[in-house]
Amino acid sequence: MSTSPRTTTFEDEELLTPAEVAAMFRVDPKTVTRWAKAGKLSSIRTLGGHRRYRASEVASLRAGIPGQRTEPAGA
């Protein structure tokens, strides 16, 4: 499979670890967990109890935060 060791797929959807999501937003991984508990971001639990986040949902959340977009504002 062509995914990184920490990134897995769930029914053909890319899943991200709390650390990967935290790096995207430049926050602590515990902040990402708080967002999930607050309902801002849904999570999937692995069999071991670890949280995973859907990449598509993370991208949508990221696109909604000003200053976090990867495209220039005028594009």
PDB file of N, CA and C in Angstrom:
ATOM      1  N   MET A   1       0.836  -1.169   0.000  1.00  0.00           N
ATOM      2  CA  MET A   1       0.000   0.000   0.000  1.00  0.00           C
ATOM      3  C   MET A   1       0.882   1.234   0.000  1.00  0.00           C
ATOM      4  N   SER A   2       0.428   2.318  -0.605  1.00  0.00           N
ATOM      5  CA  SER A   2       1.271   3.491  -0.770  1.00  0.00           C
ATOM      6  C   SER A   2       1.108   4.530   0.327  1.00  0.00           C
ATOM      7  N   THR A   3       0.409   4.220   1.406  1.00  0.00           N
ATOM      8  CA  THR A   3       0.244   5.182   2.488  1.00  0.00           C
ATOM      9  C   THR A   3       1.429   5.112   3.441  1.00  0.00           C
ATOM     10  N   SER A   4       1.598   6.174   4.209  1.00  0.00           N
ATOM     11  CA  SER A   4       2.678   6.191   5.182  1.00  0.00           C
ATOM     12  C   SER A   4       2.348   5.225   6.316  1.00  0.00           C
ATOM     13  N   PRO A   5       3.322   4.830   7.128  1.00  0.00           N
ATOM     14  CA  PRO A   5       3.061   3.875   8.206  1.00  0.00           C
ATOM     15  C   PRO A   5       2.022   4.365   9.209  1.00  0.00           C
ATOM     16  N   ARG A   6       1.930   5.664   9.438  1.00  0.00           N
ATOM     17  CA  ARG A   6       1.001   6.185  10.422  1.00  0.00           C
ATOM     18  C   ARG A   6      -0.377   6.466   9.834  1.00  0.00           C
ATOM     19  N   THR A   7      -0.490   6.518   8.523  1.00  0.00           N
ATOM     20  CA  THR A   7      -1.757   6.821   7.876  1.00  0.00           C
ATOM     21  C   THR A   7      -2.379   5.531   7.371  1.00  0.00           C
ATOM     22  N   THR A   8      -3.622   5.300   7.735  1.00  0.00           N
ATOM     23  CA  THR A   8      -4.316   4.100   7.309  1.00  0.00           C
ATOM     24  C   THR A   8      -5.542   4.483   6.506  1.00  0.00           C
ATOM     25  N   THR A   9      -6.194   3.490   5.923  1.00  0.00           N
ATOM     26  CA  THR A   9      -7.428   3.764   5.199  1.00  0.00           C
ATOM     27  C   THR A   9      -8.579   3.039   5.872  1.00  0.00           C
ATOM     28  N   PHE A  10      -9.736   3.600   5.792  1.00  0.00           N
ATOM     29  CA  PHE A  10     -10.946   3.012   6.337  1.00  0.00           C
ATOM     30  C   PHE A  10     -11.989   3.135   5.259  1.00  0.00           C
ATOM     31  N   GLU A  11     -12.318   1.986   4.654  1.00  0.00           N
ATOM     32  CA  GLU A  11     -13.270   1.972   3.555  1.00  0.00           C
ATOM     33  C   GLU A  11     -12.854   2.974   2.483  1.00  0.00           C
ATOM     34  N   ASP A  12     -11.610   2.895   2.053  1.00  0.00           N
ATOM     35  CA  ASP A  12     -11.036   3.737   1.003  1.00  0.00           C
ATOM     36  C   ASP A  12     -10.935   5.217   1.364  1.00  0.00           C
ATOM     37  N   GLU A  13     -11.039   5.563   2.628  1.00  0.00           N
ATOM     38  CA  GLU A  13     -10.874   6.946   3.055  1.00  0.00           C
ATOM     39  C   GLU A  13      -9.583   7.056   3.852  1.00  0.00           C
ATOM     40  N   GLU A  14      -8.811   8.074   3.560  1.00  0.00           N
ATOM     41  CA  GLU A  14      -7.557   8.269   4.280  1.00  0.00           C
ATOM     42  C   GLU A  14      -7.850   8.743   5.698  1.00  0.00           C
ATOM     43  N   LEU A  15      -7.194   8.131   6.659  1.00  0.00           N
ATOM     44  CA  LEU A  15      -7.350   8.500   8.060  1.00  0.00           C
ATOM     45  C   LEU A  15      -6.029   9.055   8.578  1.00  0.00           C
ATOM     46  N   LEU A  16      -6.135  10.069   9.418  1.00  0.00           N
ATOM     47  CA  LEU A  16      -4.961  10.743   9.952  1.00  0.00           C
ATOM     48  C   LEU A  16      -4.886  10.565  11.463  1.00  0.00           C
ATOM     49  N   THR A  17      -3.679  10.538  11.975  1.00  0.00           N
ATOM     50  CA  THR A  17      -3.468  10.461  13.417  1.00  0.00           C
ATOM     51  C   THR A  17      -3.652  11.853  14.027  1.00  0.00           C
ATOM     52  N   PRO A  18      -3.862  11.927  15.336  1.00  0.00           N
ATOM     53  CA  PRO A  18      -3.944  13.241  15.983  1.00  0.00           C
ATOM     54  C   PRO A  18      -2.697  14.099  15.735  1.00  0.00           C
ATOM     55  N   ALA A  19      -1.530  13.476  15.702  1.00  0.00           N
ATOM     56  CA  ALA A  19      -0.290  14.232  15.467  1.00  0.00           C
ATOM     57  C   ALA A  19      -0.268  14.824  14.055  1.00  0.00           C
ATOM     58  N   GLU A  20      -0.761  14.077  13.077  1.00  0.00           N
ATOM     59  CA  GLU A  20      -0.784  14.588  11.706  1.00  0.00           C
ATOM     60  C   GLU A  20      -1.759  15.757  11.565  1.00  0.00           C
ATOM     61  N   VAL A  21      -2.919  15.645  12.204  1.00  0.00           N
ATOM     62  CA  VAL A  21      -3.895  16.735  12.168  1.00  0.00           C
ATOM     63  C   VAL A  21      -3.341  17.948  12.903  1.00  0.00           C
ATOM     64  N   ALA A  22      -2.717  17.714  14.046  1.00  0.00           N
ATOM     65  CA  ALA A  22      -2.139  18.809  14.826  1.00  0.00           C
ATOM     66  C   ALA A  22      -1.081  19.565  14.026  1.00  0.00           C
ATOM     67  N   ALA A  23      -0.268  18.843  13.275  1.00  0.00           N
ATOM     68  CA  ALA A  23       0.766  19.487  12.462  1.00  0.00           C
ATOM     69  C   ALA A  23       0.141  20.376  11.392  1.00  0.00           C
ATOM     70  N   MET A  24      -0.974  19.953  10.835  1.00  0.00           N
ATOM     71  CA  MET A  24      -1.653  20.759   9.805  1.00  0.00           C
ATOM     72  C   MET A  24      -2.153  22.088  10.361  1.00  0.00           C
ATOM     73  N   PHE A  25      -2.647  22.051  11.595  1.00  0.00           N
ATOM     74  CA  PHE A  25      -3.208  23.248  12.222  1.00  0.00           C
ATOM     75  C   PHE A  25      -2.203  23.981  13.116  1.00  0.00           C
ATOM     76  N   ARG A  26      -1.032  23.388  13.285  1.00  0.00           N
ATOM     77  CA  ARG A  26       0.003  23.944  14.165  1.00  0.00           C
ATOM     78  C   ARG A  26      -0.499  24.113  15.598  1.00  0.00           C
ATOM     79  N   VAL A  27      -1.104  23.026  16.092  1.00  0.00           N
ATOM     80  CA  VAL A  27      -1.579  22.987  17.471  1.00  0.00           C
ATOM     81  C   VAL A  27      -1.070  21.708  18.118  1.00  0.00           C
ATOM     82  N   ASP A  28      -1.293  21.568  19.403  1.00  0.00           N
ATOM     83  CA  ASP A  28      -0.908  20.361  20.131  1.00  0.00           C
ATOM     84  C   ASP A  28      -1.897  19.234  19.812  1.00  0.00           C
ATOM     85  N   PRO A  29      -1.446  17.992  19.734  1.00  0.00           N
ATOM     86  CA  PRO A  29      -2.372  16.880  19.483  1.00  0.00           C
ATOM     87  C   PRO A  29      -3.525  16.795  20.484  1.00  0.00           C
ATOM     88  N   LYS A  30      -3.309  17.228  21.721  1.00  0.00           N
ATOM     89  CA  LYS A  30      -4.390  17.221  22.705  1.00  0.00           C
ATOM     90  C   LYS A  30      -5.495  18.201  22.324  1.00  0.00           C
ATOM     91  N   THR A  31      -5.147  19.264  21.620  1.00  0.00           N
ATOM     92  CA  THR A  31      -6.146  20.208  21.135  1.00  0.00           C
ATOM     93  C   THR A  31      -7.052  19.525  20.120  1.00  0.00           C
ATOM     94  N   VAL A  32      -6.483  18.708  19.256  1.00  0.00           N
ATOM     95  CA  VAL A  32      -7.271  17.969  18.266  1.00  0.00           C
ATOM     96  C   VAL A  32      -8.236  17.025  18.979  1.00  0.00           C
ATOM     97  N   THR A  33      -7.788  16.379  20.034  1.00  0.00           N
ATOM     98  CA  THR A  33      -8.655  15.498  20.806  1.00  0.00           C
ATOM     99  C   THR A  33      -9.789  16.290  21.443  1.00  0.00           C
ATOM    100  N   ARG A  34      -9.491  17.484  21.939  1.00  0.00           N
ATOM    101  CA  ARG A  34     -10.535  18.342  22.516  1.00  0.00           C
ATOM    102  C   ARG A  34     -11.567  18.726  21.463  1.00  0.00           C
ATOM    103  N   TRP A  35     -11.098  19.027  20.227  1.00  0.00           N
ATOM    104  CA  TRP A  35     -12.025  19.354  19.140  1.00  0.00           C
ATOM    105  C   TRP A  35     -12.967  18.186  18.880  1.00  0.00           C
ATOM    106  N   ALA A  36     -12.441  16.969  18.920  1.00  0.00           N
ATOM    107  CA  ALA A  36     -13.270  15.785  18.691  1.00  0.00           C
ATOM    108  C   ALA A  36     -14.297  15.623  19.817  1.00  0.00           C
ATOM    109  N   LYS A  37     -13.872  15.826  21.036  1.00  0.00           N
ATOM    110  CA  LYS A  37     -14.795  15.713  22.177  1.00  0.00           C
ATOM    111  C   LYS A  37     -15.871  16.793  22.124  1.00  0.00           C
ATOM    112  N   ALA A  38     -15.522  17.971  21.583  1.00  0.00           N
ATOM    113  CA  ALA A  38     -16.468  19.087  21.482  1.00  0.00           C
ATOM    114  C   ALA A  38     -17.381  18.963  20.260  1.00  0.00           C
ATOM    115  N   GLY A  39     -17.113  18.000  19.396  1.00  0.00           N
ATOM    116  CA  GLY A  39     -17.953  17.798  18.222  1.00  0.00           C
ATOM    117  C   GLY A  39     -17.546  18.600  16.998  1.00  0.00           C
ATOM    118  N   LYS A  40     -16.424  19.296  17.058  1.00  0.00           N
ATOM    119  CA  LYS A  40     -15.953  20.069  15.909  1.00  0.00           C
ATOM    120  C   LYS A  40     -15.375  19.180  14.816  1.00  0.00           C
ATOM    121  N   LEU A  41     -14.970  17.988  15.201  1.00  0.00           N
ATOM    122  CA  LEU A  41     -14.322  17.052  14.297  1.00  0.00           C
ATOM    123  C   LEU A  41     -14.701  15.646  14.747  1.00  0.00           C
ATOM    124  N   SER A  42     -15.171  14.815  13.815  1.00  0.00           N
ATOM    125  CA  SER A  42     -15.519  13.452  14.224  1.00  0.00           C
ATOM    126  C   SER A  42     -14.283  12.570  14.156  1.00  0.00           C
ATOM    127  N   SER A  43     -14.291  11.547  14.986  1.00  0.00           N
ATOM    128  CA  SER A  43     -13.145  10.637  15.012  1.00  0.00           C
ATOM    129  C   SER A  43     -13.624   9.200  14.938  1.00  0.00           C
ATOM    130  N   ILE A  44     -12.724   8.352  14.514  1.00  0.00           N
ATOM    131  CA  ILE A  44     -12.953   6.913  14.465  1.00  0.00           C
ATOM    132  C   ILE A  44     -11.981   6.308  15.455  1.00  0.00           C
ATOM    133  N   ARG A  45     -12.439   5.334  16.205  1.00  0.00           N
ATOM    134  CA  ARG A  45     -11.563   4.666  17.167  1.00  0.00           C
ATOM    135  C   ARG A  45     -11.027   3.376  16.558  1.00  0.00           C
ATOM    136  N   THR A  46      -9.738   3.166  16.698  1.00  0.00           N
ATOM    137  CA  THR A  46      -9.135   1.907  16.252  1.00  0.00           C
ATOM    138  C   THR A  46      -9.452   0.833  17.283  1.00  0.00           C
ATOM    139  N   LEU A  47      -9.130  -0.395  16.974  1.00  0.00           N
ATOM    140  CA  LEU A  47      -9.353  -1.482  17.930  1.00  0.00           C
ATOM    141  C   LEU A  47      -8.568  -1.264  19.214  1.00  0.00           C
ATOM    142  N   GLY A  48      -7.447  -0.581  19.115  1.00  0.00           N
ATOM    143  CA  GLY A  48      -6.631  -0.281  20.284  1.00  0.00           C
ATOM    144  C   GLY A  48      -7.092   0.953  21.039  1.00  0.00           C
ATOM    145  N   GLY A  49      -8.156   1.628  20.559  1.00  0.00           N
ATOM    146  CA  GLY A  49      -8.692   2.795  21.248  1.00  0.00           C
ATOM    147  C   GLY A  49      -8.113   4.126  20.806  1.00  0.00           C
ATOM    148  N   HIS A  50      -7.273   4.118  19.791  1.00  0.00           N
ATOM    149  CA  HIS A  50      -6.672   5.360  19.297  1.00  0.00           C
ATOM    150  C   HIS A  50      -7.627   6.068  18.356  1.00  0.00           C
ATOM    151  N   ARG A  51      -7.570   7.382  18.357  1.00  0.00           N
ATOM    152  CA  ARG A  51      -8.432   8.176  17.471  1.00  0.00           C
ATOM    153  C   ARG A  51      -7.780   8.330  16.097  1.00  0.00           C
ATOM    154  N   ARG A  52      -8.626   8.313  15.074  1.00  0.00           N
ATOM    155  CA  ARG A  52      -8.208   8.613  13.705  1.00  0.00           C
ATOM    156  C   ARG A  52      -9.232   9.563  13.125  1.00  0.00           C
ATOM    157  N   TYR A  53      -8.780  10.451  12.254  1.00  0.00           N
ATOM    158  CA  TYR A  53      -9.629  11.492  11.692  1.00  0.00           C
ATOM    159  C   TYR A  53      -9.660  11.368  10.176  1.00  0.00           C
ATOM    160  N   ARG A  54     -10.831  11.541   9.574  1.00  0.00           N
ATOM    161  CA  ARG A  54     -10.978  11.474   8.121  1.00  0.00           C
ATOM    162  C   ARG A  54     -10.286  12.674   7.483  1.00  0.00           C
ATOM    163  N   ALA A  55      -9.423  12.411   6.516  1.00  0.00           N
ATOM    164  CA  ALA A  55      -8.664  13.471   5.850  1.00  0.00           C
ATOM    165  C   ALA A  55      -9.594  14.467   5.166  1.00  0.00           C
ATOM    166  N   SER A  56     -10.682  13.986   4.576  1.00  0.00           N
ATOM    167  CA  SER A  56     -11.613  14.886   3.890  1.00  0.00           C
ATOM    168  C   SER A  56     -12.279  15.849   4.872  1.00  0.00           C
ATOM    169  N   GLU A  57     -12.623  15.370   6.054  1.00  0.00           N
ATOM    170  CA  GLU A  57     -13.244  16.232   7.061  1.00  0.00           C
ATOM    171  C   GLU A  57     -12.238  17.244   7.610  1.00  0.00           C
ATOM    172  N   VAL A  58     -11.011  16.800   7.794  1.00  0.00           N
ATOM    173  CA  VAL A  58      -9.953  17.702   8.264  1.00  0.00           C
ATOM    174  C   VAL A  58      -9.715  18.800   7.224  1.00  0.00           C
ATOM    175  N   ALA A  59      -9.685  18.432   5.951  1.00  0.00           N
ATOM    176  CA  ALA A  59      -9.484  19.411   4.876  1.00  0.00           C
ATOM    177  C   ALA A  59     -10.619  20.425   4.851  1.00  0.00           C
ATOM    178  N   SER A  60     -11.855  19.973   5.062  1.00  0.00           N
ATOM    179  CA  SER A  60     -13.002  20.887   5.098  1.00  0.00           C
ATOM    180  C   SER A  60     -12.897  21.856   6.265  1.00  0.00           C
ATOM    181  N   LEU A  61     -12.516  21.338   7.413  1.00  0.00           N
ATOM    182  CA  LEU A  61     -12.345  22.183   8.592  1.00  0.00           C
ATOM    183  C   LEU A  61     -11.234  23.188   8.355  1.00  0.00           C
ATOM    184  N   ARG A  62     -10.158  22.723   7.779  1.00  0.00           N
ATOM    185  CA  ARG A  62      -9.009  23.597   7.517  1.00  0.00           C
ATOM    186  C   ARG A  62      -9.365  24.699   6.522  1.00  0.00           C
ATOM    187  N   ALA A  63     -10.156  24.379   5.513  1.00  0.00           N
ATOM    188  CA  ALA A  63     -10.555  25.362   4.506  1.00  0.00           C
ATOM    189  C   ALA A  63     -11.444  26.445   5.098  1.00  0.00           C
ATOM    190  N   GLY A  64     -12.122  26.127   6.195  1.00  0.00           N
ATOM    191  CA  GLY A  64     -13.015  27.091   6.825  1.00  0.00           C
ATOM    192  C   GLY A  64     -12.332  28.041   7.786  1.00  0.00           C
ATOM    193  N   ILE A  65     -11.049  27.869   8.020  1.00  0.00           N
ATOM    194  CA  ILE A  65     -10.327  28.729   8.950  1.00  0.00           C
ATOM    195  C   ILE A  65      -9.474  29.717   8.160  1.00  0.00           C
ATOM    196  N   PRO A  66      -9.753  31.029   8.291  1.00  0.00           N
ATOM    197  CA  PRO A  66      -8.948  32.027   7.566  1.00  0.00           C
ATOM    198  C   PRO A  66      -7.468  31.929   7.926  1.00  0.00           C
ATOM    199  N   GLY A  67      -6.610  32.093   6.933  1.00  0.00           N
ATOM    200  CA  GLY A  67      -5.175  32.049   7.156  1.00  0.00           C
ATOM    201  C   GLY A  67      -4.585  30.661   7.130  1.00  0.00           C
ATOM    202  N   GLN A  68      -5.407  29.611   7.012  1.00  0.00           N
ATOM    203  CA  GLN A  68      -4.924  28.240   7.006  1.00  0.00           C
ATOM    204  C   GLN A  68      -4.920  27.630   5.599  1.00  0.00           C
ATOM    205  N   ARG A  69      -5.458  28.353   4.628  1.00  0.00           N
ATOM    206  CA  ARG A  69      -5.563  27.811   3.280  1.00  0.00           C
ATOM    207  C   ARG A  69      -4.203  27.755   2.625  1.00  0.00           C
ATOM    208  N   THR A  70      -4.045  26.766   1.756  1.00  0.00           N
ATOM    209  CA  THR A  70      -2.768  26.621   1.049  1.00  0.00           C
ATOM    210  C   THR A  70      -2.743  27.434  -0.232  1.00  0.00           C
ATOM    211  N   GLU A  71      -3.915  27.878  -0.717  1.00  0.00           N
ATOM    212  CA  GLU A  71      -3.986  28.685  -1.927  1.00  0.00           C
ATOM    213  C   GLU A  71      -3.907  30.161  -1.554  1.00  0.00           C
ATOM    214  N   PRO A  72      -3.391  31.005  -2.478  1.00  0.00           N
ATOM    215  CA  PRO A  72      -3.426  32.452  -2.228  1.00  0.00           C
ATOM    216  C   PRO A  72      -4.883  32.936  -2.184  1.00  0.00           C
ATOM    217  N   ALA A  73      -5.156  33.958  -1.418  1.00  0.00           N
ATOM    218  CA  ALA A  73      -6.518  34.460  -1.247  1.00  0.00           C
ATOM    219  C   ALA A  73      -7.137  34.933  -2.558  1.00  0.00           C
ATOM    220  N   GLY A  74      -6.344  35.422  -3.490  1.00  0.00           N
ATOM    221  CA  GLY A  74      -6.863  35.940  -4.756  1.00  0.00           C
ATOM    222  C   GLY A  74      -7.049  34.871  -5.812  1.00  0.00           C
ATOM    223  N   ALA A  75      -6.724  33.623  -5.524  1.00  0.00           N
ATOM    224  CA  ALA A  75      -6.816  32.563  -6.544  1.00  0.00           C
ATOM    225  C   ALA A  75      -8.217  32.065  -6.720  1.00  0.00           C
TER     226      ALA A  75
END
